[in-house]
C-alpha cells in the first residue's frame, strides 16, 4: 500500500506523513503508559495499544519503498547511475554500522 501511495502522490509528502504519523503513534503509546490505560480497563487498554501499534506499523512502512524512490531520484546523473549499487549499499548499511558502534 505504501509503495503505491508513493507512486501515486508526491513521495516526499508521503514520507513526511509517515514520519509525522510514526511520531504521533509513539506519543500516544507514551500517553497510554503515563496515564496507565491498562488500570482503567485491561481489554480496552490492550485494544488501544494494539490499534496504535497497527497504525505505527502502517506509518513505518512508508519508509522503505518511498525512501528508496526518493533516494533514487537524488542520484540520476550518468556517473551516479553507474555507481547506484555502491550508493544504495552504503545507504542501507548505515543503520547496521550505527548499531555495531553503539553496542
Protein backbone atom coordinates (compact mmCIF):
# COMPACT_ATOMS: atom_id res chain seq x y z
CA UNK A 1 0.00 0.00 0.00
CA UNK A 2 2.77 2.44 0.92
CA UNK A 3 4.67 1.91 -2.32
CA UNK A 4 1.51 2.56 -4.32
CA UNK A 5 0.85 5.73 -2.30
CA UNK A 6 4.41 6.89 -3.03
CA UNK A 7 3.91 6.25 -6.75
CA UNK A 8 0.52 7.96 -6.87
CA UNK A 9 1.25 11.03 -4.73
CA UNK A 10 4.34 13.14 -4.09
CA UNK A 11 6.86 10.76 -2.44
CA UNK A 12 8.32 13.38 -0.11
CA UNK A 13 4.82 14.23 1.15
CA UNK A 14 4.03 10.55 1.77
CA UNK A 15 7.35 10.17 3.59
CA UNK A 16 6.67 13.25 5.72
CA UNK A 17 3.19 11.98 6.63
CA UNK A 18 4.73 8.63 7.56
CA UNK A 19 7.32 10.25 9.82
CA UNK A 20 4.79 12.53 11.47
CA UNK A 21 2.34 9.66 11.93
CA UNK A 22 5.05 7.48 13.49
CA UNK A 23 5.89 10.22 15.96
CA UNK A 24 2.24 10.70 16.82
CA UNK A 25 1.78 6.96 17.44
CA UNK A 26 4.80 6.88 19.75
CA UNK A 27 3.38 9.86 21.61
CA UNK A 28 0.04 8.05 22.01
CA UNK A 29 1.79 4.95 23.34
CA UNK A 30 3.62 7.09 25.89
CA UNK A 31 0.36 8.79 26.91
CA UNK A 32 -1.24 5.37 27.44
CA UNK A 33 1.68 4.33 29.64
CA UNK A 34 1.80 7.60 31.61
CA UNK A 35 -1.92 7.54 32.37
CA UNK A 36 -1.92 3.76 32.86
CA UNK A 37 -4.74 2.91 30.47
CA UNK A 38 -4.46 -0.73 31.48
CA UNK A 39 -5.63 0.05 35.03
CA UNK A 40 -8.90 1.53 33.75
CA UNK A 41 -9.82 -1.50 31.69
CA UNK A 42 -7.43 -4.27 30.75
CA UNK A 43 -9.18 -5.21 27.49
CA UNK A 44 -9.73 -1.59 26.42
CA UNK A 45 -6.13 -0.68 27.26
CA UNK A 46 -4.78 -3.65 25.31
CA UNK A 47 -7.05 -2.84 22.37
CA UNK A 48 -5.82 0.77 22.34
CA UNK A 49 -2.16 -0.21 22.41
CA UNK A 50 -2.59 -2.85 19.69
CA UNK A 51 -4.54 -0.42 17.49
CA UNK A 52 -1.87 2.25 17.89
CA UNK A 53 0.88 -0.29 17.12
CA UNK A 54 -1.03 -1.28 13.97
CA UNK A 55 -1.13 2.37 12.85
CA UNK A 56 2.53 2.74 13.82
CA UNK A 57 3.45 -0.16 11.55
CA UNK A 58 1.49 1.35 8.68
CA UNK A 59 3.27 4.69 9.05
CA UNK A 60 6.66 2.98 9.41
CA UNK A 61 6.06 1.01 6.22
CA UNK A 62 6.24 4.22 4.18
CA UNK A 63 9.96 4.47 4.93
CA UNK A 64 11.15 1.52 2.84
CA UNK A 65 9.63 1.85 -0.62
CA UNK A 66 9.11 5.61 -0.60
CA UNK A 67 12.53 6.33 0.90
CA UNK A 68 14.18 4.21 -1.77
CA UNK A 69 12.27 6.06 -4.50
CA UNK A 70 13.35 9.42 -3.10
CA UNK A 71 16.98 8.27 -2.89
CA UNK A 72 16.80 7.03 -6.48
CA UNK A 73 15.59 10.44 -7.65
CA UNK A 74 18.52 12.20 -5.99
CA UNK A 75 21.11 10.21 -7.92
CA UNK A 76 20.01 10.46 -11.54
CA UNK A 77 23.09 11.75 -13.40
CA UNK A 78 25.17 9.38 -15.52
CA UNK A 79 28.01 8.85 -13.03
CA UNK A 80 25.58 8.23 -10.16
CA UNK A 81 23.62 5.71 -12.21
CA UNK A 82 26.86 3.77 -12.79
CA UNK A 83 27.58 3.80 -9.03
CA UNK A 84 23.99 3.31 -7.87
CA UNK A 85 24.74 -0.06 -6.27
CA UNK A 86 27.53 1.45 -4.15
CA UNK A 87 25.36 4.40 -3.15
CA UNK A 88 22.41 2.23 -2.11
CA UNK A 89 24.73 -0.25 -0.39
CA UNK A 90 26.29 2.47 1.76
CA UNK A 91 22.88 3.97 2.47
CA UNK A 92 21.48 0.59 3.54
CA UNK A 93 24.36 -0.38 5.83
CA UNK A 94 24.44 2.88 7.84
CA UNK A 95 21.91 1.60 10.39
CA UNK A 96 23.84 -1.61 11.00
CA UNK A 97 27.13 0.26 11.36
CA UNK A 98 25.46 2.56 13.89
CA UNK A 99 24.12 -0.42 15.83
CA UNK A 100 27.57 -2.00 16.00
CA UNK A 101 29.15 1.30 17.04
CA UNK A 102 26.56 1.84 19.78
CA UNK A 103 26.98 -1.69 21.16
